Amino acid sequence: MSPERRDGQGPEHDDSVGELSYMAASRELDGIVEFFEKSEVDVDQLVARLERATAIVDELDKRIRHTRAQVEELVPKLEAVGQAAESEQAIPDDGSDGDRGDVVDDRSRGVRAEEGESEEETLPF
């Protein structure tokens, strides 16, 4: 938690809330909540800590709303990229039936099926 002010009237806050990381602000807010949960609340620190807690809550809420807006903007773009990639995979660009050349044409090896035999019986593997 923050160091005590020089006058002993509660924590000293050199950092503005906007300069704190989300985690640091959250930890500080947890410390303030702990302060209020004590059975003996120091009246001299009450208003200062309430003001600081309010500032932290407002800042964190602003960051959450901003982050949510960014996510709502980026997710459709990401989904569009994913759908485009899926479409490219589904439509072959070489005129084939969608195979990627994994199957070897046995005719190129000179292997032919005899009349009445299936091709599977004449393959060397």
Protein backbone atom coordinates (compact mmCIF):
# COMPACT_ATOMS: atom_id res chain seq x y z
CA MET A 1 0.00 0.00 0.00
CA SER A 2 1.08 3.64 -0.33
CA PRO A 3 3.24 5.22 2.33
CA GLU A 4 1.59 7.32 4.99
CA ARG A 5 1.43 11.06 4.41
CA ARG A 6 3.89 13.15 6.29
CA ASP A 7 1.11 14.43 8.56
CA GLY A 8 0.05 10.85 9.43
CA GLN A 9 -3.41 11.40 7.94
CA GLY A 10 -3.52 8.42 5.60
CA PRO A 11 -1.71 7.27 2.51
CA GLU A 12 0.28 9.63 0.36
CA HIS A 13 -0.69 9.47 -3.33
CA ASP A 14 1.99 10.85 -5.60
CA ASP A 15 0.67 8.91 -8.60
CA SER A 16 -2.52 10.00 -10.25
CA VAL A 17 -4.91 7.13 -10.72
CA GLY A 18 -4.54 7.37 -14.50
CA GLU A 19 -0.82 6.62 -14.23
CA LEU A 20 -1.33 3.39 -12.29
CA SER A 21 -1.54 0.07 -14.09
CA TYR A 22 -4.87 -1.68 -13.84
CA MET A 23 -3.42 -4.24 -11.44
CA ALA A 24 -1.76 -1.62 -9.22
CA ALA A 25 -4.99 0.38 -9.04
CA SER A 26 -6.95 -2.77 -8.25
CA ARG A 27 -4.52 -3.70 -5.46
CA GLU A 28 -4.75 -0.21 -4.00
CA LEU A 29 -8.53 -0.38 -4.08
CA ASP A 30 -8.37 -3.74 -2.28
CA GLY A 31 -6.25 -2.07 0.41
CA ILE A 32 -8.79 0.70 0.83
CA VAL A 33 -11.60 -1.85 1.15
CA GLU A 34 -9.56 -3.64 3.81
CA PHE A 35 -9.20 -0.32 5.65
CA PHE A 36 -12.99 0.10 5.72
CA GLU A 37 -13.57 -3.48 6.79
CA LYS A 38 -11.58 -2.95 9.98
CA SER A 39 -13.71 -2.61 13.04
CA GLU A 40 -11.97 0.65 13.98
CA VAL A 41 -11.92 3.07 11.05
CA ASP A 42 -9.68 6.10 11.46
CA VAL A 43 -12.04 9.02 10.97
CA ASP A 44 -9.16 11.29 9.95
CA GLN A 45 -8.47 9.06 6.94
CA LEU A 46 -12.06 8.26 6.04
CA VAL A 47 -12.80 11.03 3.51
CA ALA A 48 -9.38 10.90 1.85
CA ARG A 49 -9.65 7.15 1.30
CA LEU A 50 -13.24 7.41 0.07
CA GLU A 51 -12.17 10.05 -2.44
CA ARG A 52 -9.23 7.92 -3.58
CA ALA A 53 -11.43 4.81 -3.86
CA THR A 54 -13.96 6.75 -5.92
CA ALA A 55 -11.23 8.02 -8.25
CA ILE A 56 -9.86 4.49 -8.69
CA VAL A 57 -13.30 2.98 -9.36
CA ASP A 58 -14.06 5.70 -11.92
CA GLU A 59 -10.71 5.16 -13.68
CA LEU A 60 -11.04 1.37 -13.75
CA ASP A 61 -14.61 1.64 -15.04
CA LYS A 62 -13.43 4.00 -17.80
CA ARG A 63 -10.67 1.55 -18.79
CA ILE A 64 -13.08 -1.39 -18.84
CA ARG A 65 -15.55 0.51 -21.03
CA HIS A 66 -12.74 1.56 -23.39
CA THR A 67 -11.40 -1.99 -23.58
CA ARG A 68 -14.88 -3.38 -24.23
CA ALA A 69 -15.35 -0.91 -27.09
CA GLN A 70 -12.00 -1.93 -28.60
CA VAL A 71 -12.89 -5.62 -28.33
CA GLU A 72 -16.30 -5.03 -29.91
CA GLU A 73 -14.55 -3.26 -32.79
CA LEU A 74 -11.79 -5.84 -33.26
CA VAL A 75 -13.76 -9.10 -32.93
CA PRO A 76 -15.79 -8.61 -36.15
CA LYS A 77 -12.56 -7.84 -38.03
CA LEU A 78 -10.96 -11.00 -36.68
CA GLU A 79 -14.05 -13.05 -37.55
CA ALA A 80 -14.01 -11.64 -41.10
CA VAL A 81 -10.36 -12.63 -41.51
CA GLY A 82 -11.14 -16.13 -40.23
CA GLN A 83 -14.10 -16.50 -42.58
CA ALA A 84 -12.00 -15.31 -45.52
CA ALA A 85 -9.31 -17.86 -44.67
CA GLU A 86 -11.92 -20.62 -44.46
CA SER A 87 -13.38 -19.58 -47.81
CA GLU A 88 -9.95 -19.69 -49.46
CA GLN A 89 -9.38 -23.21 -48.16
CA ALA A 90 -12.79 -24.40 -49.38
CA ILE A 91 -12.37 -23.12 -52.94
CA PRO A 92 -9.37 -24.61 -54.78
CA ASP A 93 -7.56 -22.09 -56.94
CA ASP A 94 -5.92 -24.66 -59.25
CA GLY A 95 -9.08 -26.07 -60.79
CA SER A 96 -8.76 -29.35 -58.90
CA ASP A 97 -11.41 -30.97 -56.77
CA GLY A 98 -9.93 -29.62 -53.55
CA ASP A 99 -7.14 -32.15 -53.01
CA ARG A 100 -3.78 -30.66 -52.30
CA GLY A 101 -1.79 -33.22 -54.23
CA ASP A 102 -1.54 -35.74 -51.43
CA VAL A 103 -2.83 -38.51 -53.70
CA VAL A 104 -0.42 -39.69 -56.38
CA ASP A 105 -1.86 -40.62 -59.76
CA ASP A 106 -0.73 -44.20 -60.27
CA ARG A 107 -0.81 -43.77 -64.04
CA SER A 108 2.31 -41.63 -63.74
CA ARG A 109 4.12 -44.69 -62.29
CA GLY A 110 2.97 -46.97 -65.04
CA VAL A 111 0.73 -49.04 -62.76
CA ARG A 112 -2.48 -50.09 -64.49
CA ALA A 113 -5.35 -52.23 -63.38
CA GLU A 114 -6.00 -55.35 -65.41
CA GLU A 115 -9.47 -55.83 -66.75
CA GLY A 116 -11.69 -57.09 -63.93
CA GLU A 117 -9.18 -56.06 -61.20
CA SER A 118 -9.62 -53.01 -59.05
CA GLU A 119 -6.85 -50.44 -58.99
CA GLU A 120 -6.24 -51.19 -55.33
CA GLU A 121 -5.08 -54.73 -56.16
CA THR A 122 -2.38 -53.54 -58.55
CA LEU A 123 -0.82 -50.87 -56.34
CA PRO A 124 2.65 -51.75 -55.07
CA PHE A 125 1.96 -50.79 -51.45
